[in-house]
Amino acid sequence: MRLADDPGVSPRPTFQHHESFELRVLSALASGATSPQEVAAGLTEPTERVQTTLDWAVGAEAVSRLDLPEGGASYTLTPRGLEIVGLAQGVDRAVGSRGTVDLGAATKLVMEQYGAARDVATEKAERDQAGWAPDDATRDHVTATLNDAYARGALTQEQLDERTSRALGATTMAELRGAADGVLEVPPVLPTGIGPVSAGIRVAQVDVNPTLRKIHWRYLAYAAAYVVVGVFVAMFQPVVGVVAIVVGLGLAAWTLRPLLRSGSDVTTP
């Protein structure tokens, strides 16, 4: 509990103290604890309760378990668990003890989550598309880049010949990426809004509605931050969360008012 500066005001619980027990266990693992006993000691909670939560976290793929020869078990966070803890820490930075939202920190949190989502989407797309047949445009781009690397002295003649042969003979995107490894990154095709479309696919020219130039996109990012943080906060403080969501939606509507008044959309030929 954090006491208010004014002695006449009743103390109010901080937002951080509303985090779930599951999140506290994950945070303890992130701080270096590896066994149920260490986590329980740090949280001053019964070991049995911690063990139950760890079993749940393993099933949720947020924690991995390693059985040790002496009969014990060691627990570590998976990438998913690290993402959960990172998101919670970001919300703690963005939301003050009184439920106030720091727009700068909230916007940073949204961008970090977008970057993480893009990285996950890229990794998954590379796995899913590894067996795709390479298109001619991407193959030509790889061979041209290999020749540029040779001209700069980054590749020897032998390396150029070997890599070029692999690129020309590649029957899958995985093989083509292997030929370009260390010289050129060949990104996969990603869903619209996550990242650039690649692998030889070209986007038709887009005519942008001039009204879009009147929109302050920075304010729209703030609005998105309010909504994202509000949704998360609503799980712990419903009233504050709903207020943040309403403020975010209101700010978004105000920011987009030029587009709403024009009643037109982006058009593609």
C-alpha atoms as a PDB file:
ATOM      1  CA  MET A   1       0.000   0.000   0.000  1.00  0.00           C
ATOM      2  CA  ARG A   2       1.230   3.478  -0.870  1.00  0.00           C
ATOM      3  CA  LEU A   3       0.026   6.281   1.398  1.00  0.00           C
ATOM      4  CA  ALA A   4      -1.211   9.460  -0.262  1.00  0.00           C
ATOM      5  CA  ASP A   5       0.735  12.669   0.277  1.00  0.00           C
ATOM      6  CA  ASP A   6      -2.335  14.240   1.882  1.00  0.00           C
ATOM      7  CA  PRO A   7      -2.899  12.614   5.302  1.00  0.00           C
ATOM      8  CA  GLY A   8      -6.605  13.302   4.904  1.00  0.00           C
ATOM      9  CA  VAL A   9      -6.863  11.028   1.878  1.00  0.00           C
ATOM     10  CA  SER A  10      -7.395   7.330   2.443  1.00  0.00           C
ATOM     11  CA  PRO A  11      -4.576   5.115   1.163  1.00  0.00           C
ATOM     12  CA  ARG A  12      -5.244   3.272  -2.091  1.00  0.00           C
ATOM     13  CA  PRO A  13      -3.609   0.074  -3.350  1.00  0.00           C
ATOM     14  CA  THR A  14      -1.092   0.425  -6.152  1.00  0.00           C
ATOM     15  CA  PHE A  15      -1.756  -1.128  -9.531  1.00  0.00           C
ATOM     16  CA  GLN A  16       1.277  -3.401  -9.164  1.00  0.00           C
ATOM     17  CA  HIS A  17      -0.281  -5.056  -6.122  1.00  0.00           C
ATOM     18  CA  HIS A  18      -3.222  -6.221  -8.232  1.00  0.00           C
ATOM     19  CA  GLU A  19      -1.127  -8.548 -10.360  1.00  0.00           C
ATOM     20  CA  SER A  20      -2.193 -12.174 -10.325  1.00  0.00           C
ATOM     21  CA  PHE A  21      -0.394 -14.860  -8.379  1.00  0.00           C
ATOM     22  CA  GLU A  22       0.495 -16.600 -11.650  1.00  0.00           C
ATOM     23  CA  LEU A  23       2.234 -13.452 -12.864  1.00  0.00           C
ATOM     24  CA  ARG A  24       4.110 -13.127  -9.580  1.00  0.00           C
ATOM     25  CA  VAL A  25       5.417 -16.669 -10.012  1.00  0.00           C
ATOM     26  CA  LEU A  26       6.569 -15.950 -13.559  1.00  0.00           C
ATOM     27  CA  SER A  27       8.248 -12.746 -12.379  1.00  0.00           C
ATOM     28  CA  ALA A  28      10.073 -14.712  -9.678  1.00  0.00           C
ATOM     29  CA  LEU A  29      11.443 -17.069 -12.341  1.00  0.00           C
ATOM     30  CA  ALA A  30      12.505 -14.058 -14.402  1.00  0.00           C
ATOM     31  CA  SER A  31      14.401 -12.793 -11.350  1.00  0.00           C
ATOM     32  CA  GLY A  32      16.495 -15.966 -11.126  1.00  0.00           C
ATOM     33  CA  ALA A  33      14.511 -18.459  -9.062  1.00  0.00           C
ATOM     34  CA  THR A  34      14.523 -21.972 -10.523  1.00  0.00           C
ATOM     35  CA  SER A  35      12.809 -24.244  -7.999  1.00  0.00           C
ATOM     36  CA  PRO A  36       9.382 -24.201  -6.320  1.00  0.00           C
ATOM     37  CA  GLN A  37      11.110 -23.738  -2.967  1.00  0.00           C
ATOM     38  CA  GLU A  38      13.026 -20.654  -4.162  1.00  0.00           C
ATOM     39  CA  VAL A  39       9.895 -19.128  -5.673  1.00  0.00           C
ATOM     40  CA  ALA A  40       7.868 -19.858  -2.533  1.00  0.00           C
ATOM     41  CA  ALA A  41      10.536 -18.295  -0.313  1.00  0.00           C
ATOM     42  CA  GLY A  42      10.658 -15.158  -2.432  1.00  0.00           C
ATOM     43  CA  LEU A  43       6.880 -14.769  -2.474  1.00  0.00           C
ATOM     44  CA  THR A  44       6.374 -15.984   1.107  1.00  0.00           C
ATOM     45  CA  GLU A  45       3.726 -18.391  -0.169  1.00  0.00           C
ATOM     46  CA  PRO A  46       3.225 -22.133   0.414  1.00  0.00           C
ATOM     47  CA  THR A  47       5.344 -24.345  -1.806  1.00  0.00           C
ATOM     48  CA  GLU A  48       2.276 -26.419  -2.725  1.00  0.00           C
ATOM     49  CA  ARG A  49       0.520 -23.369  -4.172  1.00  0.00           C
ATOM     50  CA  VAL A  50       3.618 -22.402  -6.140  1.00  0.00           C
ATOM     51  CA  GLN A  51       3.978 -25.974  -7.449  1.00  0.00           C
ATOM     52  CA  THR A  52       0.374 -25.954  -8.684  1.00  0.00           C
ATOM     53  CA  THR A  53       0.969 -22.690 -10.516  1.00  0.00           C
ATOM     54  CA  LEU A  54       4.203 -23.975 -12.058  1.00  0.00           C
ATOM     55  CA  ASP A  55       2.394 -27.078 -13.319  1.00  0.00           C
ATOM     56  CA  TRP A  56      -0.219 -24.821 -14.901  1.00  0.00           C
ATOM     57  CA  ALA A  57       2.481 -22.624 -16.468  1.00  0.00           C
ATOM     58  CA  VAL A  58       4.211 -25.664 -17.972  1.00  0.00           C
ATOM     59  CA  GLY A  59       0.923 -26.740 -19.533  1.00  0.00           C
ATOM     60  CA  ALA A  60       0.419 -23.195 -20.867  1.00  0.00           C
ATOM     61  CA  GLU A  61       3.911 -23.322 -22.438  1.00  0.00           C
ATOM     62  CA  ALA A  62       4.997 -20.303 -20.404  1.00  0.00           C
ATOM     63  CA  VAL A  63       7.510 -22.336 -18.375  1.00  0.00           C
ATOM     64  CA  SER A  64       9.721 -25.302 -19.198  1.00  0.00           C
ATOM     65  CA  ARG A  65      10.598 -28.012 -16.660  1.00  0.00           C
ATOM     66  CA  LEU A  66      13.884 -29.901 -16.457  1.00  0.00           C
ATOM     67  CA  ASP A  67      13.959 -32.971 -14.197  1.00  0.00           C
ATOM     68  CA  LEU A  68      17.292 -33.168 -12.371  1.00  0.00           C
ATOM     69  CA  PRO A  69      19.147 -36.420 -11.576  1.00  0.00           C
ATOM     70  CA  GLU A  70      18.782 -35.920  -7.831  1.00  0.00           C
ATOM     71  CA  GLY A  71      15.014 -35.989  -8.148  1.00  0.00           C
ATOM     72  CA  GLY A  72      14.215 -32.300  -8.140  1.00  0.00           C
ATOM     73  CA  ALA A  73      13.065 -30.089 -10.996  1.00  0.00           C
ATOM     74  CA  SER A  74      14.343 -26.839 -12.437  1.00  0.00           C
ATOM     75  CA  TYR A  75      11.959 -24.330 -14.036  1.00  0.00           C
ATOM     76  CA  THR A  76      12.762 -21.619 -16.570  1.00  0.00           C
ATOM     77  CA  LEU A  77      10.655 -19.214 -18.598  1.00  0.00           C
ATOM     78  CA  THR A  78       9.960 -20.003 -22.237  1.00  0.00           C
ATOM     79  CA  PRO A  79       9.891 -17.190 -24.844  1.00  0.00           C
ATOM     80  CA  ARG A  80       6.141 -17.013 -24.263  1.00  0.00           C
ATOM     81  CA  GLY A  81       6.658 -16.641 -20.510  1.00  0.00           C
ATOM     82  CA  LEU A  82       9.252 -13.938 -21.060  1.00  0.00           C
ATOM     83  CA  GLU A  83       6.790 -12.087 -23.289  1.00  0.00           C
ATOM     84  CA  ILE A  84       4.105 -12.254 -20.587  1.00  0.00           C
ATOM     85  CA  VAL A  85       6.457 -10.858 -17.950  1.00  0.00           C
ATOM     86  CA  GLY A  86       7.718  -8.194 -20.331  1.00  0.00           C
ATOM     87  CA  LEU A  87       4.169  -7.098 -21.128  1.00  0.00           C
ATOM     88  CA  ALA A  88       3.292  -6.888 -17.440  1.00  0.00           C
ATOM     89  CA  GLN A  89       6.395  -4.819 -16.715  1.00  0.00           C
ATOM     90  CA  GLY A  90       5.531  -2.536 -19.621  1.00  0.00           C
ATOM     91  CA  VAL A  91       2.033  -2.010 -18.234  1.00  0.00           C
ATOM     92  CA  ASP A  92       3.518  -1.231 -14.806  1.00  0.00           C
ATOM     93  CA  ARG A  93       5.625   1.485 -16.434  1.00  0.00           C
ATOM     94  CA  ALA A  94       2.670   2.832 -18.403  1.00  0.00           C
ATOM     95  CA  VAL A  95       0.088   2.828 -15.591  1.00  0.00           C
ATOM     96  CA  GLY A  96       0.728   4.752 -12.403  1.00  0.00           C
ATOM     97  CA  SER A  97      -0.260   3.677  -8.887  1.00  0.00           C
ATOM     98  CA  ARG A  98      -3.453   5.763  -9.187  1.00  0.00           C
ATOM     99  CA  GLY A  99      -4.394   4.226 -12.527  1.00  0.00           C
ATOM    100  CA  THR A 100      -3.149   7.190 -14.575  1.00  0.00           C
ATOM    101  CA  VAL A 101      -1.687   6.324 -17.987  1.00  0.00           C
ATOM    102  CA  ASP A 102       1.701   7.600 -19.173  1.00  0.00           C
ATOM    103  CA  LEU A 103       1.074   8.135 -22.895  1.00  0.00           C
ATOM    104  CA  GLY A 104       4.756   7.965 -23.789  1.00  0.00           C
ATOM    105  CA  ALA A 105       5.314   4.681 -21.945  1.00  0.00           C
ATOM    106  CA  ALA A 106       2.028   3.266 -23.247  1.00  0.00           C
ATOM    107  CA  THR A 107       2.934   4.103 -26.843  1.00  0.00           C
ATOM    108  CA  LYS A 108       6.338   2.487 -26.361  1.00  0.00           C
ATOM    109  CA  LEU A 109       4.610  -0.615 -24.995  1.00  0.00           C
ATOM    110  CA  VAL A 110       2.335  -0.816 -28.052  1.00  0.00           C
ATOM    111  CA  MET A 111       5.309  -0.493 -30.408  1.00  0.00           C
ATOM    112  CA  GLU A 112       7.244  -3.159 -28.497  1.00  0.00           C
ATOM    113  CA  GLN A 113       4.295  -5.538 -28.730  1.00  0.00           C
ATOM    114  CA  TYR A 114       3.963  -4.789 -32.444  1.00  0.00           C
ATOM    115  CA  GLY A 115       7.658  -5.537 -32.931  1.00  0.00           C
ATOM    116  CA  ALA A 116       7.367  -8.786 -30.994  1.00  0.00           C
ATOM    117  CA  ALA A 117       4.296  -9.805 -33.016  1.00  0.00           C
ATOM    118  CA  ARG A 118       6.143  -9.026 -36.244  1.00  0.00           C
ATOM    119  CA  ASP A 119       9.156 -11.123 -35.169  1.00  0.00           C
ATOM    120  CA  VAL A 120       6.909 -14.060 -34.258  1.00  0.00           C
ATOM    121  CA  ALA A 121       5.003 -13.739 -37.533  1.00  0.00           C
ATOM    122  CA  THR A 122       8.258 -13.609 -39.505  1.00  0.00           C
ATOM    123  CA  GLU A 123       9.672 -16.698 -37.791  1.00  0.00           C
ATOM    124  CA  LYS A 124       6.446 -18.646 -38.321  1.00  0.00           C
ATOM    125  CA  ALA A 125       6.160 -17.523 -41.948  1.00  0.00           C
ATOM    126  CA  GLU A 126       9.716 -18.658 -42.685  1.00  0.00           C
ATOM    127  CA  ARG A 127       8.935 -22.115 -41.305  1.00  0.00           C
ATOM    128  CA  ASP A 128       5.606 -22.370 -43.113  1.00  0.00           C
ATOM    129  CA  GLN A 129       7.024 -21.123 -46.413  1.00  0.00           C
ATOM    130  CA  ALA A 130      10.305 -23.056 -46.325  1.00  0.00           C
ATOM    131  CA  GLY A 131       8.993 -25.505 -48.936  1.00  0.00           C
ATOM    132  CA  TRP A 132       7.651 -22.868 -51.317  1.00  0.00           C
ATOM    133  CA  ALA A 133       9.145 -22.794 -54.822  1.00  0.00           C
ATOM    134  CA  PRO A 134      11.300 -19.655 -55.302  1.00  0.00           C
ATOM    135  CA  ASP A 135      10.004 -17.059 -57.746  1.00  0.00           C
ATOM    136  CA  ASP A 136      12.253 -15.709 -60.492  1.00  0.00           C
ATOM    137  CA  ALA A 137      12.354 -12.156 -59.088  1.00  0.00           C
ATOM    138  CA  THR A 138      13.672 -13.289 -55.708  1.00  0.00           C
ATOM    139  CA  ARG A 139      16.174 -15.694 -57.275  1.00  0.00           C
ATOM    140  CA  ASP A 140      17.492 -12.905 -59.548  1.00  0.00           C
ATOM    141  CA  HIS A 141      17.749 -10.550 -56.565  1.00  0.00           C
ATOM    142  CA  VAL A 142      19.809 -13.108 -54.635  1.00  0.00           C
ATOM    143  CA  THR A 143      22.226 -13.772 -57.501  1.00  0.00           C
ATOM    144  CA  ALA A 144      22.642 -10.043 -58.174  1.00  0.00           C
ATOM    145  CA  THR A 145      23.384  -9.408 -54.484  1.00  0.00           C
ATOM    146  CA  LEU A 146      25.930 -12.223 -54.464  1.00  0.00           C
ATOM    147  CA  ASN A 147      27.716 -10.588 -57.419  1.00  0.00           C
ATOM    148  CA  ASP A 148      27.685  -7.238 -55.605  1.00  0.00           C
ATOM    149  CA  ALA A 149      29.185  -8.913 -52.535  1.00  0.00           C
ATOM    150  CA  TYR A 150      31.957 -10.392 -54.697  1.00  0.00           C
ATOM    151  CA  ALA A 151      32.640  -6.987 -56.237  1.00  0.00           C
ATOM    152  CA  ARG A 152      33.013  -5.512 -52.732  1.00  0.00           C
ATOM    153  CA  GLY A 153      35.403  -8.261 -51.736  1.00  0.00           C
ATOM    154  CA  ALA A 154      32.964  -9.859 -49.288  1.00  0.00           C
ATOM    155  CA  LEU A 155      33.053 -13.152 -51.223  1.00  0.00           C
ATOM    156  CA  THR A 156      35.849 -14.972 -52.979  1.00  0.00           C
ATOM    157  CA  GLN A 157      35.438 -16.272 -56.524  1.00  0.00           C
ATOM    158  CA  GLU A 158      35.027 -19.786 -55.179  1.00  0.00           C
ATOM    159  CA  GLN A 159      32.353 -18.690 -52.680  1.00  0.00           C
ATOM    160  CA  LEU A 160      30.546 -16.725 -55.395  1.00  0.00           C
ATOM    161  CA  ASP A 161      30.474 -19.717 -57.732  1.00  0.00           C
ATOM    162  CA  GLU A 162      29.295 -22.075 -54.989  1.00  0.00           C
ATOM    163  CA  ARG A 163      26.560 -19.775 -53.715  1.00  0.00           C
ATOM    164  CA  THR A 164      25.382 -18.808 -57.193  1.00  0.00           C
ATOM    165  CA  SER A 165      25.127 -22.484 -58.131  1.00  0.00           C
ATOM    166  CA  ARG A 166      23.070 -23.151 -55.014  1.00  0.00           C
ATOM    167  CA  ALA A 167      20.814 -20.174 -55.716  1.00  0.00           C
ATOM    168  CA  LEU A 168      20.167 -21.151 -59.325  1.00  0.00           C
ATOM    169  CA  GLY A 169      19.532 -24.769 -58.364  1.00  0.00           C
ATOM    170  CA  ALA A 170      17.360 -24.018 -55.322  1.00  0.00           C
ATOM    171  CA  THR A 171      13.928 -25.648 -55.508  1.00  0.00           C
ATOM    172  CA  THR A 172      12.613 -24.257 -52.187  1.00  0.00           C
ATOM    173  CA  MET A 173      12.765 -20.926 -50.393  1.00  0.00           C
ATOM    174  CA  ALA A 174      14.733 -22.584 -47.596  1.00  0.00           C
ATOM    175  CA  GLU A 175      17.468 -23.572 -50.058  1.00  0.00           C
ATOM    176  CA  LEU A 176      17.493 -20.107 -51.618  1.00  0.00           C
ATOM    177  CA  ARG A 177      17.784 -18.476 -48.178  1.00  0.00           C
ATOM    178  CA  GLY A 178      20.666 -20.822 -47.416  1.00  0.00           C
ATOM    179  CA  ALA A 179      22.503 -19.653 -50.533  1.00  0.00           C
ATOM    180  CA  ALA A 180      22.036 -16.019 -49.481  1.00  0.00           C
ATOM    181  CA  ASP A 181      22.834 -16.579 -45.785  1.00  0.00           C
ATOM    182  CA  GLY A 182      25.096 -13.868 -44.393  1.00  0.00           C
ATOM    183  CA  VAL A 183      24.863 -11.793 -47.557  1.00  0.00           C
ATOM    184  CA  LEU A 184      21.168 -11.044 -47.999  1.00  0.00           C
ATOM    185  CA  GLU A 185      18.126 -11.524 -45.780  1.00  0.00           C
ATOM    186  CA  VAL A 186      15.229 -12.926 -47.788  1.00  0.00           C
ATOM    187  CA  PRO A 187      12.074 -12.080 -45.802  1.00  0.00           C
ATOM    188  CA  PRO A 188       8.957 -14.233 -46.084  1.00  0.00           C
ATOM    189  CA  VAL A 189       5.543 -13.095 -47.230  1.00  0.00           C
ATOM    190  CA  LEU A 190       3.797 -11.586 -44.207  1.00  0.00           C
ATOM    191  CA  PRO A 191       0.141 -10.695 -43.649  1.00  0.00           C
ATOM    192  CA  THR A 192      -0.769  -7.122 -44.535  1.00  0.00           C
ATOM    193  CA  GLY A 193      -0.153  -4.834 -41.583  1.00  0.00           C
ATOM    194  CA  ILE A 194       2.587  -7.000 -40.032  1.00  0.00           C
ATOM    195  CA  GLY A 195       5.464  -6.365 -42.379  1.00  0.00           C
ATOM    196  CA  PRO A 196       6.555  -5.928 -45.981  1.00  0.00           C
ATOM    197  CA  VAL A 197       5.330  -8.264 -48.685  1.00  0.00           C
ATOM    198  CA  SER A 198       8.283  -9.915 -50.383  1.00  0.00           C
ATOM    199  CA  ALA A 199       9.320 -12.979 -52.378  1.00  0.00           C
ATOM    200  CA  GLY A 200       8.805 -11.219 -55.680  1.00  0.00           C
ATOM    201  CA  ILE A 201       5.236 -10.105 -54.997  1.00  0.00           C
ATOM    202  CA  ARG A 202       4.694  -6.458 -55.911  1.00  0.00           C
ATOM    203  CA  VAL A 203       1.951  -4.232 -54.598  1.00  0.00           C
ATOM    204  CA  ALA A 204      -0.022  -2.162 -57.088  1.00  0.00           C
ATOM    205  CA  GLN A 205       0.310   1.600 -56.864  1.00  0.00           C
ATOM    206  CA  VAL A 206      -1.981   3.078 -54.240  1.00  0.00           C
ATOM    207  CA  ASP A 207      -3.711   6.444 -54.596  1.00  0.00           C
ATOM    208  CA  VAL A 208      -3.838   7.954 -51.120  1.00  0.00           C
ATOM    209  CA  ASN A 209      -6.837   9.977 -50.076  1.00  0.00           C
ATOM    210  CA  PRO A 210      -5.561  13.551 -49.444  1.00  0.00           C
ATOM    211  CA  THR A 211      -7.722  13.633 -46.308  1.00  0.00           C
ATOM    212  CA  LEU A 212      -5.330  11.146 -44.695  1.00  0.00           C
ATOM    213  CA  ARG A 213      -2.627  13.826 -44.731  1.00  0.00           C
ATOM    214  CA  LYS A 214      -4.695  15.881 -42.296  1.00  0.00           C
ATOM    215  CA  ILE A 215      -4.713  13.140 -39.655  1.00  0.00           C
ATOM    216  CA  HIS A 216      -2.252  13.398 -36.772  1.00  0.00           C
ATOM    217  CA  TRP A 217      -1.096   9.792 -36.643  1.00  0.00           C
ATOM    218  CA  ARG A 218       0.823  10.375 -33.413  1.00  0.00           C
ATOM    219  CA  TYR A 219      -2.472  10.982 -31.635  1.00  0.00           C
ATOM    220  CA  LEU A 220      -3.879   7.822 -33.180  1.00  0.00           C
ATOM    221  CA  ALA A 221      -0.939   5.899 -31.677  1.00  0.00           C
ATOM    222  CA  TYR A 222      -1.773   7.420 -28.301  1.00  0.00           C
ATOM    223  CA  ALA A 223      -5.387   6.319 -28.739  1.00  0.00           C
ATOM    224  CA  ALA A 224      -4.292   2.762 -29.519  1.00  0.00           C
ATOM    225  CA  ALA A 225      -2.054   2.801 -26.447  1.00  0.00           C
ATOM    226  CA  TYR A 226      -4.975   3.850 -24.249  1.00  0.00           C
ATOM    227  CA  VAL A 227      -7.147   1.023 -25.602  1.00  0.00           C
ATOM    228  CA  VAL A 228      -4.438  -1.661 -25.272  1.00  0.00           C
ATOM    229  CA  VAL A 229      -3.491  -0.630 -21.751  1.00  0.00           C
ATOM    230  CA  GLY A 230      -7.161  -0.227 -20.828  1.00  0.00           C
ATOM    231  CA  VAL A 231      -7.969  -3.789 -21.889  1.00  0.00           C
ATOM    232  CA  PHE A 232      -5.133  -5.123 -19.726  1.00  0.00           C
ATOM    233  CA  VAL A 233      -5.916  -2.890 -16.746  1.00  0.00           C
ATOM    234  CA  ALA A 234      -9.603  -3.879 -16.912  1.00  0.00           C
ATOM    235  CA  MET A 235      -8.638  -7.360 -15.717  1.00  0.00           C
ATOM    236  CA  PHE A 236      -7.427  -5.854 -12.443  1.00  0.00           C
ATOM    237  CA  GLN A 237      -9.211  -2.510 -12.128  1.00  0.00           C
ATOM    238  CA  PRO A 238     -12.382  -2.643 -14.264  1.00  0.00           C
ATOM    239  CA  VAL A 239     -13.399   0.980 -13.752  1.00  0.00           C
ATOM    240  CA  VAL A 240      -9.977   2.405 -14.619  1.00  0.00           C
ATOM    241  CA  GLY A 241      -9.674   0.019 -17.561  1.00  0.00           C
ATOM    242  CA  VAL A 242     -13.050   0.997 -19.013  1.00  0.00           C
ATOM    243  CA  VAL A 243     -12.230   4.680 -18.604  1.00  0.00           C
ATOM    244  CA  ALA A 244      -8.917   4.213 -20.441  1.00  0.00           C
ATOM    245  CA  ILE A 245     -10.661   2.338 -23.266  1.00  0.00           C
ATOM    246  CA  VAL A 246     -13.346   5.021 -23.604  1.00  0.00           C
ATOM    247  CA  VAL A 247     -10.700   7.771 -23.626  1.00  0.00           C
ATOM    248  CA  GLY A 248      -8.744   5.874 -26.287  1.00  0.00           C
ATOM    249  CA  LEU A 249     -11.787   5.400 -28.507  1.00  0.00           C
ATOM    250  CA  GLY A 250     -12.760   9.049 -28.064  1.00  0.00           C
ATOM    251  CA  LEU A 251      -9.268  10.220 -28.969  1.00  0.00           C
ATOM    252  CA  ALA A 252      -9.282   7.951 -32.022  1.00  0.00           C
ATOM    253  CA  ALA A 253     -12.641   9.339 -33.183  1.00  0.00           C
ATOM    254  CA  TRP A 254     -11.421  12.908 -32.682  1.00  0.00           C
ATOM    255  CA  THR A 255      -8.189  12.172 -34.581  1.00  0.00           C
ATOM    256  CA  LEU A 256     -10.031  10.548 -37.487  1.00  0.00           C
ATOM    257  CA  ARG A 257     -12.706  13.237 -37.749  1.00  0.00           C
ATOM    258  CA  PRO A 258     -11.339  14.604 -41.093  1.00  0.00           C
ATOM    259  CA  LEU A 259     -11.709  11.152 -42.639  1.00  0.00           C
ATOM    260  CA  LEU A 260     -15.119  10.600 -41.068  1.00  0.00           C
ATOM    261  CA  ARG A 261     -16.337  13.926 -42.448  1.00  0.00           C
ATOM    262  CA  SER A 262     -15.075  13.173 -45.935  1.00  0.00           C
ATOM    263  CA  GLY A 263     -16.802   9.794 -45.977  1.00  0.00           C
ATOM    264  CA  SER A 264     -14.197   8.431 -48.388  1.00  0.00           C
ATOM    265  CA  ASP A 265     -11.680   5.638 -48.218  1.00  0.00           C
ATOM    266  CA  VAL A 266      -8.263   4.749 -49.585  1.00  0.00           C
ATOM    267  CA  THR A 267      -8.667   3.519 -53.162  1.00  0.00           C
ATOM    268  CA  THR A 268      -6.548   1.159 -55.168  1.00  0.00           C
ATOM    269  CA  PRO A 269      -6.496   1.105 -58.989  1.00  0.00           C
END
